[in-house]
Amino acid sequence: MRDRNDDLRDCLTAYDCRDRLPELSSWMDDDQLKQLTLWRGGRFAPEEEYFDLDHPERGPFVATGDERPIVDHTYVARGEVTEPAWALLATWRQPISEDQGAAIQAQARQFAPGSPQGGAGEARP
């Protein structure tokens, strides 16, 4: 596990800090790590989903906006990453069933760039 005193604010993405995130780097390939922008805000936005890279066993969580100011900057905000990268991150160190895995993969495919269906469900021309 990463040293909590290691400041990742000098890294734009998880790829840029892959040497300081070895466990995550062994879970995701370089292209996926490049899609994980490290969140830079001072406070969580209400109703935004985040993932704590220091505590992956926590899994994704939805912020209330009332959390204390953020000082460690080891979070990824779902709205700042691609759906396939989020789907893989959200399963890191998480016990999931085969059915859950299939549902996550289907959602990631549906919202992947260049997918045949848009976010509103209409077929793209």
Protein backbone atom coordinates (compact mmCIF):
# COMPACT_ATOMS: atom_id res chain seq x y z
CA MET A 1 0.00 0.00 0.00
CA ARG A 2 1.10 3.53 -0.76
CA ASP A 3 2.57 5.77 1.92
CA ARG A 4 -0.23 8.17 2.91
CA ASN A 5 2.31 11.00 3.19
CA ASP A 6 3.23 10.64 -0.48
CA ASP A 7 1.66 13.64 -2.22
CA LEU A 8 0.33 12.78 -5.69
CA ARG A 9 -0.62 16.34 -6.69
CA ASP A 10 2.33 16.47 -9.07
CA CYS A 11 0.69 13.74 -11.17
CA LEU A 12 -2.12 14.47 -13.61
CA THR A 13 -3.09 10.82 -14.03
CA ALA A 14 -2.55 7.50 -12.25
CA TYR A 15 -0.16 6.66 -15.08
CA ASP A 16 2.07 9.59 -14.11
CA CYS A 17 2.26 8.15 -10.57
CA ARG A 18 2.34 4.47 -11.51
CA ASP A 19 5.61 3.96 -9.62
CA ARG A 20 3.83 5.22 -6.48
CA LEU A 21 0.71 3.15 -7.20
CA PRO A 22 2.25 -0.28 -7.85
CA GLU A 23 -0.79 -2.34 -6.87
CA LEU A 24 -3.10 -0.32 -9.12
CA SER A 25 -0.48 -0.47 -11.88
CA SER A 26 -0.50 -4.24 -11.72
CA TRP A 27 -4.34 -4.25 -11.99
CA MET A 28 -4.65 -1.86 -14.96
CA ASP A 29 -2.56 -1.43 -18.11
CA ASP A 30 -0.83 1.83 -19.04
CA ASP A 31 -3.61 3.00 -21.38
CA GLN A 32 -6.21 2.53 -18.64
CA LEU A 33 -4.03 4.29 -16.06
CA LYS A 34 -3.75 7.26 -18.43
CA GLN A 35 -7.56 7.53 -18.36
CA LEU A 36 -7.63 7.93 -14.55
CA THR A 37 -7.28 11.65 -13.91
CA LEU A 38 -6.39 12.32 -10.29
CA TRP A 39 -9.01 14.56 -8.77
CA ARG A 40 -7.75 18.06 -7.89
CA GLY A 41 -10.62 19.71 -6.01
CA GLY A 42 -10.53 21.03 -2.47
CA ARG A 43 -13.93 19.60 -1.51
CA PHE A 44 -16.06 16.81 -2.91
CA ALA A 45 -19.01 17.82 -5.07
CA PRO A 46 -22.39 16.65 -3.75
CA GLU A 47 -23.79 13.59 -5.53
CA GLU A 48 -20.50 12.96 -7.42
CA GLU A 49 -19.06 9.46 -7.29
CA TYR A 50 -15.42 9.06 -6.24
CA PHE A 51 -12.89 6.29 -5.72
CA ASP A 52 -10.20 6.48 -3.02
CA LEU A 53 -6.94 5.04 -4.38
CA ASP A 54 -5.59 4.74 -0.82
CA HIS A 55 -8.53 2.57 0.27
CA PRO A 56 -9.72 0.59 -2.76
CA GLU A 57 -11.53 -1.90 -0.53
CA ARG A 58 -13.97 0.94 0.25
CA GLY A 59 -15.09 0.87 -3.36
CA PRO A 60 -16.78 3.76 -5.16
CA PHE A 61 -18.73 6.17 -2.96
CA VAL A 62 -21.07 9.10 -3.52
CA ALA A 63 -20.06 12.31 -1.76
CA THR A 64 -22.48 14.44 0.22
CA GLY A 65 -20.43 17.62 -0.18
CA ASP A 66 -20.19 17.90 3.62
CA GLU A 67 -16.93 15.97 3.86
CA ARG A 68 -13.85 17.66 5.33
CA PRO A 69 -11.53 19.50 2.95
CA ILE A 70 -9.45 17.08 0.88
CA VAL A 71 -5.73 17.07 1.64
CA ASP A 72 -4.33 13.82 0.21
CA HIS A 73 -5.53 14.06 -3.43
CA THR A 74 -5.66 10.33 -4.10
CA TYR A 75 -9.19 10.28 -5.48
CA VAL A 76 -10.62 9.73 -8.92
CA ALA A 77 -13.97 11.34 -9.81
CA ARG A 78 -16.22 9.24 -12.02
CA GLY A 79 -17.20 12.24 -14.13
CA GLU A 80 -13.56 12.78 -15.13
CA VAL A 81 -12.79 9.31 -16.51
CA THR A 82 -14.05 7.07 -19.28
CA GLU A 83 -16.70 4.53 -18.41
CA PRO A 84 -14.51 1.50 -19.27
CA ALA A 85 -11.69 2.80 -17.03
CA TRP A 86 -14.17 3.51 -14.21
CA ALA A 87 -15.68 0.03 -14.54
CA LEU A 88 -12.28 -1.57 -14.13
CA LEU A 89 -11.28 0.74 -11.27
CA ALA A 90 -14.56 0.10 -9.45
CA THR A 91 -13.83 -3.63 -9.37
CA TRP A 92 -10.27 -3.27 -8.01
CA ARG A 93 -10.02 -5.27 -4.77
CA GLN A 94 -13.80 -5.73 -4.74
CA PRO A 95 -15.54 -9.06 -4.31
CA ILE A 96 -18.03 -9.25 -7.18
CA SER A 97 -20.10 -12.07 -8.53
CA GLU A 98 -19.95 -13.30 -12.11
CA ASP A 99 -23.31 -11.64 -12.79
CA GLN A 100 -22.09 -8.32 -11.38
CA GLY A 101 -18.97 -8.53 -13.53
CA ALA A 102 -21.05 -9.18 -16.65
CA ALA A 103 -23.32 -6.21 -15.86
CA ILE A 104 -20.33 -3.90 -15.33
CA GLN A 105 -18.78 -5.02 -18.62
CA ALA A 106 -22.05 -4.47 -20.49
CA GLN A 107 -22.38 -0.95 -19.08
CA ALA A 108 -18.77 -0.13 -19.93
CA ARG A 109 -19.28 -1.34 -23.52
CA GLN A 110 -22.50 0.63 -23.86
CA PHE A 111 -20.89 3.92 -22.83
CA ALA A 112 -17.45 3.39 -24.37
CA PRO A 113 -16.31 5.98 -26.92
CA GLY A 114 -17.57 5.00 -30.35
CA SER A 115 -20.29 2.72 -29.00
CA PRO A 116 -23.28 2.30 -31.35
CA GLN A 117 -25.69 3.73 -28.75
CA GLY A 118 -25.59 7.15 -27.11
CA GLY A 119 -26.10 7.83 -23.41
CA ALA A 120 -29.80 8.62 -23.94
CA GLY A 121 -30.39 5.26 -25.59
CA GLU A 122 -30.81 6.48 -29.16
CA ALA A 123 -28.87 4.76 -31.89
CA ARG A 124 -26.17 6.93 -33.39
CA PRO A 125 -26.27 7.51 -37.17
